[in-house]
N, C-alpha and C. Protein backbone atom coordinates (compact mmCIF):
# COMPACT_ATOMS: atom_id res chain seq x y z
N MET A 1 10.92 -36.61 26.57
CA MET A 1 12.10 -36.29 26.86
C MET A 1 13.10 -36.25 27.54
N ILE A 2 13.89 -36.01 27.73
CA ILE A 2 14.96 -36.63 29.18
C ILE A 2 14.18 -36.01 30.88
N GLN A 3 14.40 -34.99 30.90
CA GLN A 3 13.77 -34.12 31.59
C GLN A 3 13.11 -33.40 31.51
N SER A 4 12.45 -31.79 32.11
CA SER A 4 12.40 -31.27 30.89
C SER A 4 13.33 -30.18 30.83
N MET A 5 13.50 -29.44 29.49
CA MET A 5 14.76 -28.81 29.10
C MET A 5 14.93 -27.54 30.22
N SER A 6 13.54 -27.31 30.61
CA SER A 6 14.07 -26.00 31.36
C SER A 6 14.66 -25.99 32.60
N LYS A 7 14.38 -27.86 33.27
CA LYS A 7 15.41 -28.19 34.47
C LYS A 7 17.25 -28.47 34.38
N ILE A 8 17.23 -28.52 33.32
CA ILE A 8 18.54 -29.51 32.33
C ILE A 8 19.23 -27.41 32.36
N LEU A 9 18.94 -26.86 31.47
CA LEU A 9 19.25 -25.22 32.01
C LEU A 9 19.40 -24.61 32.93
N ASP A 10 18.46 -25.16 33.71
CA ASP A 10 18.55 -24.13 35.27
C ASP A 10 19.67 -24.57 36.03
N GLU A 11 19.89 -25.81 36.10
CA GLU A 11 21.08 -26.79 36.86
C GLU A 11 22.56 -26.31 35.97
N ILE A 12 22.42 -26.13 34.63
CA ILE A 12 23.73 -25.55 33.60
C ILE A 12 24.09 -23.95 34.03
N ARG A 13 23.11 -23.16 34.55
CA ARG A 13 23.07 -21.81 35.20
C ARG A 13 23.57 -21.84 36.36
N LYS A 14 23.12 -22.71 37.15
CA LYS A 14 24.06 -22.34 38.95
C LYS A 14 24.72 -23.50 38.72
N ALA A 15 24.99 -24.24 37.54
CA ALA A 15 27.20 -24.51 37.55
C ALA A 15 27.95 -23.32 37.27
N ILE A 16 26.88 -22.55 36.36
CA ILE A 16 27.88 -21.59 35.66
C ILE A 16 28.27 -20.33 37.06
N GLU A 17 26.82 -19.96 37.87
CA GLU A 17 27.14 -19.45 38.34
C GLU A 17 28.05 -19.51 39.67
N THR A 18 28.00 -20.52 40.34
CA THR A 18 28.85 -21.10 41.06
C THR A 18 30.04 -21.58 40.57
N SER A 19 30.03 -21.93 39.59
CA SER A 19 31.95 -21.97 39.38
C SER A 19 32.71 -20.45 39.60
N ASP A 20 34.04 -21.23 39.07
CA ASP A 20 35.28 -19.59 39.22
C ASP A 20 35.43 -19.06 37.92
N LYS A 21 34.49 -19.60 36.96
CA LYS A 21 35.14 -19.53 35.52
C LYS A 21 34.51 -18.85 34.67
N THR A 22 34.94 -17.53 34.52
CA THR A 22 34.43 -16.43 33.66
C THR A 22 33.35 -16.29 32.47
N ARG A 23 32.90 -15.93 32.01
CA ARG A 23 31.66 -15.86 30.79
C ARG A 23 32.56 -15.85 29.58
N TYR A 24 33.78 -15.15 29.57
CA TYR A 24 34.77 -14.88 28.36
C TYR A 24 35.61 -16.33 28.16
N TRP A 25 35.92 -16.90 29.98
CA TRP A 25 36.59 -18.25 29.55
C TRP A 25 35.58 -19.35 28.77
N LEU A 26 34.44 -18.76 29.65
CA LEU A 26 33.79 -20.04 29.11
C LEU A 26 33.17 -20.38 27.35
N SER A 27 32.91 -18.97 27.01
CA SER A 27 32.68 -18.63 25.68
C SER A 27 34.01 -19.12 25.02
N LYS A 28 35.48 -18.97 24.89
CA LYS A 28 36.33 -19.98 24.21
C LYS A 28 36.57 -21.00 24.58
N LYS A 29 36.38 -21.46 25.77
CA LYS A 29 36.32 -23.20 25.88
C LYS A 29 35.35 -23.81 25.61
N SER A 30 33.87 -23.26 25.27
CA SER A 30 33.03 -23.99 24.51
C SER A 30 32.57 -23.53 23.23
N LEU A 31 33.39 -22.68 22.40
CA LEU A 31 32.93 -21.46 21.32
C LEU A 31 31.60 -21.52 21.48
N ILE A 32 30.78 -21.23 22.54
CA ILE A 32 29.55 -20.55 22.71
C ILE A 32 29.58 -19.01 22.30
N PRO A 33 29.45 -17.92 21.79
CA PRO A 33 29.70 -17.04 21.52
C PRO A 33 29.10 -16.31 23.38
N GLN A 34 29.63 -15.18 23.64
CA GLN A 34 29.12 -14.64 25.07
C GLN A 34 27.80 -14.09 24.78
N SER A 35 27.74 -13.62 23.78
CA SER A 35 25.83 -13.08 23.98
C SER A 35 25.48 -14.08 24.10
N GLN A 36 25.52 -14.96 23.35
CA GLN A 36 24.33 -16.73 23.49
C GLN A 36 25.01 -16.99 24.72
N LEU A 37 25.91 -16.97 26.12
CA LEU A 37 25.64 -17.37 26.88
C LEU A 37 25.23 -16.56 27.95
N SER A 38 25.34 -14.94 27.78
CA SER A 38 24.43 -14.15 28.12
C SER A 38 22.89 -14.16 28.02
N ARG A 39 22.05 -14.24 27.07
CA ARG A 39 20.90 -14.97 26.66
C ARG A 39 20.58 -16.16 27.39
N LEU A 40 21.44 -16.92 27.55
CA LEU A 40 21.25 -18.21 28.26
C LEU A 40 20.81 -18.08 30.04
N MET A 41 21.83 -17.64 30.19
CA MET A 41 21.75 -16.54 31.85
C MET A 41 20.67 -15.56 32.32
N THR A 42 20.02 -15.13 31.26
CA THR A 42 19.03 -14.75 31.44
C THR A 42 17.67 -14.95 31.14
N GLY A 43 17.59 -16.65 30.25
CA GLY A 43 16.45 -17.09 30.53
C GLY A 43 16.01 -17.03 28.82
N GLU A 44 16.76 -16.30 28.20
CA GLU A 44 16.15 -15.64 26.60
C GLU A 44 15.95 -16.36 25.87
N LYS A 45 16.42 -17.33 26.22
CA LYS A 45 17.51 -18.32 24.78
C LYS A 45 17.52 -19.51 25.82
N GLY A 46 17.99 -20.88 24.41
CA GLY A 46 18.32 -21.83 25.71
C GLY A 46 19.20 -22.14 24.24
N LEU A 47 20.07 -23.56 24.59
CA LEU A 47 21.03 -24.24 23.78
C LEU A 47 20.91 -25.26 22.86
N SER A 48 21.55 -25.72 21.73
CA SER A 48 21.52 -26.76 20.81
C SER A 48 22.01 -27.54 22.22
N PHE A 49 21.67 -29.19 21.99
CA PHE A 49 22.67 -30.22 22.60
C PHE A 49 23.47 -30.44 22.33
N ASP A 50 24.51 -29.83 20.97
CA ASP A 50 25.41 -29.48 20.67
C ASP A 50 26.40 -28.58 21.68
N ALA A 51 25.96 -27.97 22.16
CA ALA A 51 26.59 -26.20 22.67
C ALA A 51 26.34 -26.71 24.24
N LEU A 52 24.95 -27.23 24.48
CA LEU A 52 24.98 -27.52 26.14
C LEU A 52 26.03 -28.64 26.85
N GLU A 53 26.20 -29.77 25.43
CA GLU A 53 27.11 -30.15 25.79
C GLU A 53 28.63 -29.99 25.75
N ARG A 54 28.91 -29.21 24.98
CA ARG A 54 30.37 -28.46 25.17
C ARG A 54 30.53 -27.79 26.32
N LEU A 55 29.44 -26.71 26.89
CA LEU A 55 29.09 -26.31 28.22
C LEU A 55 29.72 -26.57 29.34
N ALA A 56 28.63 -27.79 29.37
CA ALA A 56 28.87 -29.13 30.39
C ALA A 56 30.22 -29.20 30.57
N ASP A 57 31.23 -29.26 29.53
CA ASP A 57 32.61 -30.23 29.14
C ASP A 57 33.67 -29.01 30.33
N ALA A 58 33.13 -28.02 29.33
CA ALA A 58 33.76 -27.02 29.90
C ALA A 58 33.53 -26.58 31.53
N LEU A 59 32.27 -26.46 31.87
CA LEU A 59 32.12 -26.37 33.23
C LEU A 59 32.83 -27.48 34.10
N GLY A 60 32.80 -29.01 32.95
CA GLY A 60 33.34 -29.98 34.04
C GLY A 60 32.24 -30.83 35.27
N VAL A 61 31.20 -30.86 34.22
CA VAL A 61 30.03 -31.30 34.46
C VAL A 61 29.61 -32.08 33.81
N GLU A 62 28.46 -33.21 34.40
CA GLU A 62 28.15 -34.34 33.17
C GLU A 62 26.67 -34.21 32.78
N ILE A 63 25.55 -34.18 31.91
CA ILE A 63 24.44 -34.22 31.79
C ILE A 63 24.40 -35.39 31.66
N ILE A 64 23.02 -36.43 32.48
CA ILE A 64 22.99 -37.89 32.68
C ILE A 64 21.49 -37.82 31.97
N VAL A 65 21.50 -38.97 31.22
CA VAL A 65 19.86 -39.17 31.06
C VAL A 65 19.97 -40.67 31.24
N ARG A 66 18.68 -40.38 32.08
CA ARG A 66 18.22 -41.66 32.40
C ARG A 66 16.38 -41.61 32.09
N PRO A 67 16.24 -43.40 32.86
CA PRO A 67 14.57 -43.35 32.38
C PRO A 67 13.85 -42.56 33.35
N LYS A 68 12.79 -42.07 32.62
CA LYS A 68 11.74 -41.50 33.55
C LYS A 68 11.07 -41.98 34.62
N ARG A 69 11.68 -41.61 36.01
CA ARG A 69 10.67 -42.46 36.96
C ARG A 69 9.06 -42.55 37.06
N THR A 70 8.66 -42.91 37.42
CA THR A 70 7.16 -43.47 37.07
C THR A 70 6.64 -43.85 38.78
N PRO A 71 5.43 -42.46 39.08
CA PRO A 71 5.14 -42.90 40.47
C PRO A 71 4.45 -44.54 40.78
N LYS A 72 4.59 -44.71 41.71
CA LYS A 72 4.28 -46.21 42.15
C LYS A 72 2.47 -46.26 41.82
N LYS A 73 1.89 -47.41 41.27
CA LYS A 73 0.88 -46.96 41.74
C LYS A 73 -0.09 -47.39 42.85
N SER A 74 -0.72 -46.87 43.42
CA SER A 74 -1.41 -47.27 45.11
C SER A 74 -1.72 -48.30 44.45
N LYS A 75 -2.03 -49.14 45.39
CA LYS A 75 -3.57 -50.34 45.85
C LYS A 75 -4.65 -49.91 45.58
N GLU A 76 -5.61 -50.43 45.53
CA GLU A 76 -6.83 -49.66 45.41
C GLU A 76 -7.29 -50.95 45.82
N ARG A 77 -8.76 -50.77 46.64
CA ARG A 77 -8.96 -51.08 47.51
C ARG A 77 -10.60 -51.25 46.73
N LYS A 78 -10.96 -53.00 46.55
CA LYS A 78 -11.98 -53.18 46.01
C LYS A 78 -12.55 -53.49 46.97
N VAL A 79 -13.86 -52.20 47.41
CA VAL A 79 -14.99 -52.46 47.89
C VAL A 79 -16.58 -53.46 47.08
N LYS A 80 -17.05 -54.10 47.98
CA LYS A 80 -17.91 -55.16 47.44
C LYS A 80 -19.43 -54.40 47.97
N HIS A 81 -20.18 -54.26 46.72
CA HIS A 81 -21.55 -53.52 46.83
C HIS A 81 -22.23 -54.61 46.98
N GLY A 82 -23.24 -54.64 48.46
CA GLY A 82 -24.18 -55.58 48.18
C GLY A 82 -24.63 -55.94 49.27
N LYS A 83 -26.04 -56.26 50.03
CA LYS A 83 -26.73 -56.25 50.79
C LYS A 83 -25.98 -57.02 51.79
N ARG A 84 -26.83 -56.78 53.28
CA ARG A 84 -25.42 -57.85 53.91
C ARG A 84 -26.84 -58.91 54.58
N ASN A 85 -26.46 -59.96 54.63
CA ASN A 85 -26.81 -61.35 54.99
C ASN A 85 -27.12 -61.39 56.12
N THR A 86 -28.10 -61.15 56.97
CA THR A 86 -28.02 -61.68 58.76
C THR A 86 -29.29 -62.53 58.86
């Protein structure tokens, strides 16, 4: 998946909280009922991708999809086992 959906929704919640927009205004602009926005803010419900996109547009933010970062593999040391030649 993109990131985890919960991380995306957390970022949207932060954008709502820090915006100067009211939930009424966001509801009218994004065509998402205020009750659904309320459930989003409490974490009770999520949003469809379509609704998420409309809400992001209303907030003036964008959702970016990028390839998942994979951790670099550490170089393993090969240890030779054997007897010491003396």
